[in-house]
Amino acid sequence: MDEEHTPLEAGSAWIVKLDKPGGFIGPTRSSARSRGLKRRLAGFKLTGKGIARHGYPVLKEGRRAGEVTSGTMSAC
């Protein structure tokens, strides 16, 4: 999560109190739920060698489905 990605998009709305006065100070405090989700953050694992880097396209069935927001090597 950062200035561009909300807790709702990250599937982490349960960790913030969006409706508490003075609670969540993010950009979507009052409109996050009413606006709905236009995008969803999701984890993924590469099937081959390489490192997913910020801005790389994510393809589904050969078509662009999104882009990498962050990536690094992992022991998993």
PDB file of N, CA and C in Angstrom:
ATOM      1  N   MET A   1       0.842  -1.174   0.000  1.00  0.00           N
ATOM      2  CA  MET A   1       0.000   0.000   0.000  1.00  0.00           C
ATOM      3  C   MET A   1       0.887   1.237   0.000  1.00  0.00           C
ATOM      4  N   ASP A   2       0.438   2.239  -0.688  1.00  0.00           N
ATOM      5  CA  ASP A   2       1.136   3.513  -0.721  1.00  0.00           C
ATOM      6  C   ASP A   2       0.136   4.602  -1.078  1.00  0.00           C
ATOM      7  N   GLU A   3       0.617   5.748  -1.517  1.00  0.00           N
ATOM      8  CA  GLU A   3      -0.275   6.859  -1.846  1.00  0.00           C
ATOM      9  C   GLU A   3      -1.219   6.529  -2.993  1.00  0.00           C
ATOM     10  N   GLU A   4      -0.842   5.590  -3.856  1.00  0.00           N
ATOM     11  CA  GLU A   4      -1.649   5.251  -5.029  1.00  0.00           C
ATOM     12  C   GLU A   4      -2.489   3.989  -4.856  1.00  0.00           C
ATOM     13  N   HIS A   5      -2.195   3.177  -3.849  1.00  0.00           N
ATOM     14  CA  HIS A   5      -2.857   1.888  -3.675  1.00  0.00           C
ATOM     15  C   HIS A   5      -3.488   1.811  -2.289  1.00  0.00           C
ATOM     16  N   THR A   6      -4.800   1.630  -2.266  1.00  0.00           N
ATOM     17  CA  THR A   6      -5.551   1.679  -1.016  1.00  0.00           C
ATOM     18  C   THR A   6      -5.576   0.324  -0.305  1.00  0.00           C
ATOM     19  N   PRO A   7      -5.923   0.321   0.983  1.00  0.00           N
ATOM     20  CA  PRO A   7      -6.083  -0.937   1.701  1.00  0.00           C
ATOM     21  C   PRO A   7      -7.149  -1.841   1.072  1.00  0.00           C
ATOM     22  N   LEU A   8      -8.206  -1.250   0.512  1.00  0.00           N
ATOM     23  CA  LEU A   8      -9.241  -2.053  -0.153  1.00  0.00           C
ATOM     24  C   LEU A   8      -8.662  -2.781  -1.356  1.00  0.00           C
ATOM     25  N   GLU A   9      -7.847  -2.100  -2.151  1.00  0.00           N
ATOM     26  CA  GLU A   9      -7.246  -2.721  -3.338  1.00  0.00           C
ATOM     27  C   GLU A   9      -6.269  -3.822  -2.956  1.00  0.00           C
ATOM     28  N   ALA A  10      -5.657  -3.681  -1.797  1.00  0.00           N
ATOM     29  CA  ALA A  10      -4.683  -4.675  -1.338  1.00  0.00           C
ATOM     30  C   ALA A  10      -5.344  -5.815  -0.576  1.00  0.00           C
ATOM     31  N   GLY A  11      -6.669  -5.769  -0.424  1.00  0.00           N
ATOM     32  CA  GLY A  11      -7.360  -6.804   0.331  1.00  0.00           C
ATOM     33  C   GLY A  11      -7.099  -6.709   1.818  1.00  0.00           C
ATOM     34  N   SER A  12      -6.744  -5.523   2.282  1.00  0.00           N
ATOM     35  CA  SER A  12      -6.380  -5.326   3.686  1.00  0.00           C
ATOM     36  C   SER A  12      -7.255  -4.295   4.396  1.00  0.00           C
ATOM     37  N   ALA A  13      -8.478  -4.131   3.951  1.00  0.00           N
ATOM     38  CA  ALA A  13      -9.369  -3.146   4.582  1.00  0.00           C
ATOM     39  C   ALA A  13      -9.624  -3.470   6.043  1.00  0.00           C
ATOM     40  N   TRP A  14      -9.499  -4.730   6.414  1.00  0.00           N
ATOM     41  CA  TRP A  14      -9.752  -5.148   7.795  1.00  0.00           C
ATOM     42  C   TRP A  14      -8.736  -4.572   8.779  1.00  0.00           C
ATOM     43  N   ILE A  15      -7.581  -4.083   8.293  1.00  0.00           N
ATOM     44  CA  ILE A  15      -6.563  -3.569   9.214  1.00  0.00           C
ATOM     45  C   ILE A  15      -6.661  -2.068   9.453  1.00  0.00           C
ATOM     46  N   VAL A  16      -7.565  -1.393   8.732  1.00  0.00           N
ATOM     47  CA  VAL A  16      -7.752   0.041   8.950  1.00  0.00           C
ATOM     48  C   VAL A  16      -9.221   0.321   9.228  1.00  0.00           C
ATOM     49  N   LYS A  17      -9.480   1.359   9.994  1.00  0.00           N
ATOM     50  CA  LYS A  17     -10.850   1.770  10.283  1.00  0.00           C
ATOM     51  C   LYS A  17     -11.175   2.951   9.394  1.00  0.00           C
ATOM     52  N   LEU A  18     -11.738   2.658   8.221  1.00  0.00           N
ATOM     53  CA  LEU A  18     -12.027   3.705   7.242  1.00  0.00           C
ATOM     54  C   LEU A  18     -13.093   4.680   7.733  1.00  0.00           C
ATOM     55  N   ASP A  19     -14.001   4.219   8.578  1.00  0.00           N
ATOM     56  CA  ASP A  19     -15.120   5.060   9.000  1.00  0.00           C
ATOM     57  C   ASP A  19     -14.899   5.787  10.320  1.00  0.00           C
ATOM     58  N   LYS A  20     -13.780   5.558  10.978  1.00  0.00           N
ATOM     59  CA  LYS A  20     -13.515   6.187  12.263  1.00  0.00           C
ATOM     60  C   LYS A  20     -13.075   7.643  12.044  1.00  0.00           C
ATOM     61  N   PRO A  21     -13.749   8.611  12.658  1.00  0.00           N
ATOM     62  CA  PRO A  21     -13.334  10.008  12.510  1.00  0.00           C
ATOM     63  C   PRO A  21     -11.890  10.201  12.972  1.00  0.00           C
ATOM     64  N   GLY A  22     -11.081  10.747  12.102  1.00  0.00           N
ATOM     65  CA  GLY A  22      -9.686  10.992  12.427  1.00  0.00           C
ATOM     66  C   GLY A  22      -8.820   9.744  12.398  1.00  0.00           C
ATOM     67  N   GLY A  23      -9.378   8.593  12.019  1.00  0.00           N
ATOM     68  CA  GLY A  23      -8.648   7.322  12.028  1.00  0.00           C
ATOM     69  C   GLY A  23      -7.740   7.160  10.826  1.00  0.00           C
ATOM     70  N   PHE A  24      -8.258   6.668   9.733  1.00  0.00           N
ATOM     71  CA  PHE A  24      -7.472   6.430   8.528  1.00  0.00           C
ATOM     72  C   PHE A  24      -7.239   7.736   7.790  1.00  0.00           C
ATOM     73  N   ILE A  25      -5.983   8.064   7.540  1.00  0.00           N
ATOM     74  CA  ILE A  25      -5.674   9.363   6.911  1.00  0.00           C
ATOM     75  C   ILE A  25      -5.330   9.231   5.435  1.00  0.00           C
ATOM     76  N   GLY A  26      -5.574   8.070   4.856  1.00  0.00           N
ATOM     77  CA  GLY A  26      -5.262   7.849   3.451  1.00  0.00           C
ATOM     78  C   GLY A  26      -6.175   8.627   2.533  1.00  0.00           C
ATOM     79  N   PRO A  27      -5.886   8.597   1.227  1.00  0.00           N
ATOM     80  CA  PRO A  27      -6.633   9.393   0.258  1.00  0.00           C
ATOM     81  C   PRO A  27      -8.071   8.939   0.054  1.00  0.00           C
ATOM     82  N   THR A  28      -8.426   7.758   0.541  1.00  0.00           N
ATOM     83  CA  THR A  28      -9.756   7.229   0.274  1.00  0.00           C
ATOM     84  C   THR A  28     -10.616   7.156   1.519  1.00  0.00           C
ATOM     85  N   ARG A  29     -10.306   7.928   2.509  1.00  0.00           N
ATOM     86  CA  ARG A  29     -10.954   7.817   3.811  1.00  0.00           C
ATOM     87  C   ARG A  29     -12.478   7.741   3.734  1.00  0.00           C
ATOM     88  N   SER A  30     -13.122   8.673   3.080  1.00  0.00           N
ATOM     89  CA  SER A  30     -14.578   8.672   3.085  1.00  0.00           C
ATOM     90  C   SER A  30     -15.194   8.058   1.834  1.00  0.00           C
ATOM     91  N   SER A  31     -14.430   7.941   0.766  1.00  0.00           N
ATOM     92  CA  SER A  31     -15.035   7.494  -0.485  1.00  0.00           C
ATOM     93  C   SER A  31     -14.609   6.104  -0.926  1.00  0.00           C
ATOM     94  N   ALA A  32     -13.743   5.434  -0.183  1.00  0.00           N
ATOM     95  CA  ALA A  32     -13.201   4.147  -0.625  1.00  0.00           C
ATOM     96  C   ALA A  32     -14.290   3.109  -0.859  1.00  0.00           C
ATOM     97  N   ARG A  33     -15.180   2.958   0.073  1.00  0.00           N
ATOM     98  CA  ARG A  33     -16.212   1.923  -0.073  1.00  0.00           C
ATOM     99  C   ARG A  33     -17.269   2.317  -1.095  1.00  0.00           C
ATOM    100  N   SER A  34     -17.660   3.579  -1.124  1.00  0.00           N
ATOM    101  CA  SER A  34     -18.708   3.992  -2.051  1.00  0.00           C
ATOM    102  C   SER A  34     -18.208   3.977  -3.491  1.00  0.00           C
ATOM    103  N   ARG A  35     -16.930   4.208  -3.673  1.00  0.00           N
ATOM    104  CA  ARG A  35     -16.346   4.249  -5.014  1.00  0.00           C
ATOM    105  C   ARG A  35     -16.189   2.848  -5.587  1.00  0.00           C
ATOM    106  N   GLY A  36     -15.964   1.863  -4.731  1.00  0.00           N
ATOM    107  CA  GLY A  36     -15.775   0.498  -5.203  1.00  0.00           C
ATOM    108  C   GLY A  36     -14.360   0.268  -5.708  1.00  0.00           C
ATOM    109  N   LEU A  37     -14.089  -0.960  -6.093  1.00  0.00           N
ATOM    110  CA  LEU A  37     -12.763  -1.315  -6.571  1.00  0.00           C
ATOM    111  C   LEU A  37     -12.685  -1.227  -8.088  1.00  0.00           C
ATOM    112  N   LYS A  38     -11.681  -0.521  -8.573  1.00  0.00           N
ATOM    113  CA  LYS A  38     -11.421  -0.460 -10.006  1.00  0.00           C
ATOM    114  C   LYS A  38     -10.198  -1.290 -10.355  1.00  0.00           C
ATOM    115  N   ARG A  39      -9.429  -1.633  -9.328  1.00  0.00           N
ATOM    116  CA  ARG A  39      -8.256  -2.477  -9.508  1.00  0.00           C
ATOM    117  C   ARG A  39      -8.025  -3.263  -8.230  1.00  0.00           C
ATOM    118  N   ARG A  40      -7.226  -4.313  -8.336  1.00  0.00           N
ATOM    119  CA  ARG A  40      -6.979  -5.189  -7.193  1.00  0.00           C
ATOM    120  C   ARG A  40      -5.513  -5.577  -7.199  1.00  0.00           C
ATOM    121  N   LEU A  41      -4.857  -5.422  -6.058  1.00  0.00           N
ATOM    122  CA  LEU A  41      -3.474  -5.848  -5.922  1.00  0.00           C
ATOM    123  C   LEU A  41      -3.459  -7.335  -5.604  1.00  0.00           C
ATOM    124  N   ALA A  42      -2.560  -8.069  -6.239  1.00  0.00           N
ATOM    125  CA  ALA A  42      -2.480  -9.510  -6.017  1.00  0.00           C
ATOM    126  C   ALA A  42      -1.030  -9.955  -6.115  1.00  0.00           C
ATOM    127  N   GLY A  43      -0.690 -10.961  -5.353  1.00  0.00           N
ATOM    128  CA  GLY A  43       0.642 -11.532  -5.432  1.00  0.00           C
ATOM    129  C   GLY A  43       0.705 -12.565  -6.535  1.00  0.00           C
ATOM    130  N   PHE A  44       1.881 -12.808  -7.050  1.00  0.00           N
ATOM    131  CA  PHE A  44       2.059 -13.838  -8.061  1.00  0.00           C
ATOM    132  C   PHE A  44       3.481 -14.362  -7.996  1.00  0.00           C
ATOM    133  N   LYS A  45       3.698 -15.508  -8.591  1.00  0.00           N
ATOM    134  CA  LYS A  45       5.004 -16.148  -8.602  1.00  0.00           C
ATOM    135  C   LYS A  45       5.388 -16.429 -10.047  1.00  0.00           C
ATOM    136  N   LEU A  46       6.606 -16.074 -10.409  1.00  0.00           N
ATOM    137  CA  LEU A  46       7.079 -16.347 -11.760  1.00  0.00           C
ATOM    138  C   LEU A  46       7.294 -17.841 -11.941  1.00  0.00           C
ATOM    139  N   THR A  47       7.042 -18.341 -13.133  1.00  0.00           N
ATOM    140  CA  THR A  47       7.235 -19.757 -13.413  1.00  0.00           C
ATOM    141  C   THR A  47       8.641 -20.056 -13.907  1.00  0.00           C
ATOM    142  N   GLY A  48       9.357 -19.040 -14.323  1.00  0.00           N
ATOM    143  CA  GLY A  48      10.723 -19.218 -14.805  1.00  0.00           C
ATOM    144  C   GLY A  48      11.668 -18.288 -14.077  1.00  0.00           C
ATOM    145  N   LYS A  49      12.909 -18.245 -14.568  1.00  0.00           N
ATOM    146  CA  LYS A  49      13.893 -17.348 -13.962  1.00  0.00           C
ATOM    147  C   LYS A  49      13.559 -15.901 -14.286  1.00  0.00           C
ATOM    148  N   GLY A  50      13.951 -15.027 -13.395  1.00  0.00           N
ATOM    149  CA  GLY A  50      13.732 -13.605 -13.611  1.00  0.00           C
ATOM    150  C   GLY A  50      13.202 -12.946 -12.358  1.00  0.00           C
ATOM    151  N   ILE A  51      13.096 -11.646 -12.420  1.00  0.00           N
ATOM    152  CA  ILE A  51      12.557 -10.867 -11.312  1.00  0.00           C
ATOM    153  C   ILE A  51      11.520  -9.911 -11.886  1.00  0.00           C
ATOM    154  N   ALA A  52      10.325  -9.934 -11.322  1.00  0.00           N
ATOM    155  CA  ALA A  52       9.293  -8.988 -11.746  1.00  0.00           C
ATOM    156  C   ALA A  52       9.672  -7.605 -11.225  1.00  0.00           C
ATOM    157  N   ARG A  53       9.729  -6.645 -12.088  1.00  0.00           N
ATOM    158  CA  ARG A  53      10.113  -5.278 -11.704  1.00  0.00           C
ATOM    159  C   ARG A  53       8.951  -4.317 -11.882  1.00  0.00           C
ATOM    160  N   HIS A  54       8.969  -3.257 -11.105  1.00  0.00           N
ATOM    161  CA  HIS A  54       7.939  -2.220 -11.168  1.00  0.00           C
ATOM    162  C   HIS A  54       7.708  -1.780 -12.615  1.00  0.00           C
ATOM    163  N   GLY A  55       6.436  -1.748 -13.013  1.00  0.00           N
ATOM    164  CA  GLY A  55       6.072  -1.280 -14.339  1.00  0.00           C
ATOM    165  C   GLY A  55       5.997  -2.368 -15.400  1.00  0.00           C
ATOM    166  N   TYR A  56       6.533  -3.560 -15.129  1.00  0.00           N
ATOM    167  CA  TYR A  56       6.447  -4.646 -16.103  1.00  0.00           C
ATOM    168  C   TYR A  56       4.978  -5.026 -16.299  1.00  0.00           C
ATOM    169  N   PRO A  57       4.594  -5.382 -17.520  1.00  0.00           N
ATOM    170  CA  PRO A  57       3.207  -5.804 -17.742  1.00  0.00           C
ATOM    171  C   PRO A  57       2.941  -7.187 -17.150  1.00  0.00           C
ATOM    172  N   VAL A  58       1.709  -7.396 -16.710  1.00  0.00           N
ATOM    173  CA  VAL A  58       1.250  -8.713 -16.274  1.00  0.00           C
ATOM    174  C   VAL A  58       0.244  -9.171 -17.318  1.00  0.00           C
ATOM    175  N   LEU A  59       0.474 -10.343 -17.886  1.00  0.00           N
ATOM    176  CA  LEU A  59      -0.373 -10.849 -18.959  1.00  0.00           C
ATOM    177  C   LEU A  59      -1.239 -12.002 -18.481  1.00  0.00           C
ATOM    178  N   LYS A  60      -2.449 -12.046 -18.989  1.00  0.00           N
ATOM    179  CA  LYS A  60      -3.351 -13.165 -18.738  1.00  0.00           C
ATOM    180  C   LYS A  60      -3.882 -13.602 -20.088  1.00  0.00           C
ATOM    181  N   GLU A  61      -3.589 -14.842 -20.446  1.00  0.00           N
ATOM    182  CA  GLU A  61      -3.996 -15.381 -21.743  1.00  0.00           C
ATOM    183  C   GLU A  61      -3.512 -14.488 -22.884  1.00  0.00           C
ATOM    184  N   GLY A  62      -2.290 -13.986 -22.739  1.00  0.00           N
ATOM    185  CA  GLY A  62      -1.676 -13.173 -23.787  1.00  0.00           C
ATOM    186  C   GLY A  62      -2.094 -11.713 -23.823  1.00  0.00           C
ATOM    187  N   ARG A  63      -3.020 -11.317 -22.971  1.00  0.00           N
ATOM    188  CA  ARG A  63      -3.488  -9.923 -22.958  1.00  0.00           C
ATOM    189  C   ARG A  63      -3.058  -9.257 -21.664  1.00  0.00           C
ATOM    190  N   ARG A  64      -2.777  -7.964 -21.739  1.00  0.00           N
ATOM    191  CA  ARG A  64      -2.353  -7.208 -20.565  1.00  0.00           C
ATOM    192  C   ARG A  64      -3.485  -7.153 -19.537  1.00  0.00           C
ATOM    193  N   ALA A  65      -3.196  -7.611 -18.321  1.00  0.00           N
ATOM    194  CA  ALA A  65      -4.186  -7.617 -17.250  1.00  0.00           C
ATOM    195  C   ALA A  65      -3.821  -6.618 -16.161  1.00  0.00           C
ATOM    196  N   GLY A  66      -2.615  -6.079 -16.212  1.00  0.00           N
ATOM    197  CA  GLY A  66      -2.174  -5.139 -15.200  1.00  0.00           C
ATOM    198  C   GLY A  66      -0.692  -4.916 -15.305  1.00  0.00           C
ATOM    199  N   GLU A  67      -0.103  -4.436 -14.219  1.00  0.00           N
ATOM    200  CA  GLU A  67       1.338  -4.229 -14.210  1.00  0.00           C
ATOM    201  C   GLU A  67       1.892  -4.470 -12.818  1.00  0.00           C
ATOM    202  N   VAL A  68       3.167  -4.777 -12.762  1.00  0.00           N
ATOM    203  CA  VAL A  68       3.847  -5.039 -11.514  1.00  0.00           C
ATOM    204  C   VAL A  68       4.000  -3.725 -10.752  1.00  0.00           C
ATOM    205  N   THR A  69       3.640  -3.737  -9.464  1.00  0.00           N
ATOM    206  CA  THR A  69       3.807  -2.536  -8.640  1.00  0.00           C
ATOM    207  C   THR A  69       5.080  -2.614  -7.817  1.00  0.00           C
ATOM    208  N   SER A  70       5.549  -3.821  -7.499  1.00  0.00           N
ATOM    209  CA  SER A  70       6.837  -4.008  -6.852  1.00  0.00           C
ATOM    210  C   SER A  70       7.239  -5.472  -6.997  1.00  0.00           C
ATOM    211  N   GLY A  71       8.520  -5.726  -6.980  1.00  0.00           N
ATOM    212  CA  GLY A  71       8.981  -7.099  -7.127  1.00  0.00           C
ATOM    213  C   GLY A  71      10.396  -7.258  -6.639  1.00  0.00           C
ATOM    214  N   THR A  72      10.742  -8.470  -6.243  1.00  0.00           N
ATOM    215  CA  THR A  72      12.078  -8.769  -5.767  1.00  0.00           C
ATOM    216  C   THR A  72      12.271 -10.284  -5.815  1.00  0.00           C
ATOM    217  N   MET A  73      13.481 -10.733  -5.555  1.00  0.00           N
ATOM    218  CA  MET A  73      13.746 -12.162  -5.450  1.00  0.00           C
ATOM    219  C   MET A  73      13.228 -12.648  -4.118  1.00  0.00           C
ATOM    220  N   SER A  74      12.820 -13.902  -4.100  1.00  0.00           N
ATOM    221  CA  SER A  74      12.313 -14.511  -2.876  1.00  0.00           C
ATOM    222  C   SER A  74      12.852 -15.927  -2.765  1.00  0.00           C
ATOM    223  N   ALA A  75      13.011 -16.379  -1.550  1.00  0.00           N
ATOM    224  CA  ALA A  75      13.472 -17.740  -1.324  1.00  0.00           C
ATOM    225  C   ALA A  75      12.388 -18.772  -1.587  1.00  0.00           C
ATOM    226  N   CYS A  76      11.147 -18.335  -1.704  1.00  0.00           N
ATOM    227  CA  CYS A  76      10.020 -19.270  -1.910  1.00  0.00           C
ATOM    228  C   CYS A  76       9.957 -19.787  -3.316  1.00  0.00           C
TER     229      CYS A  76
END
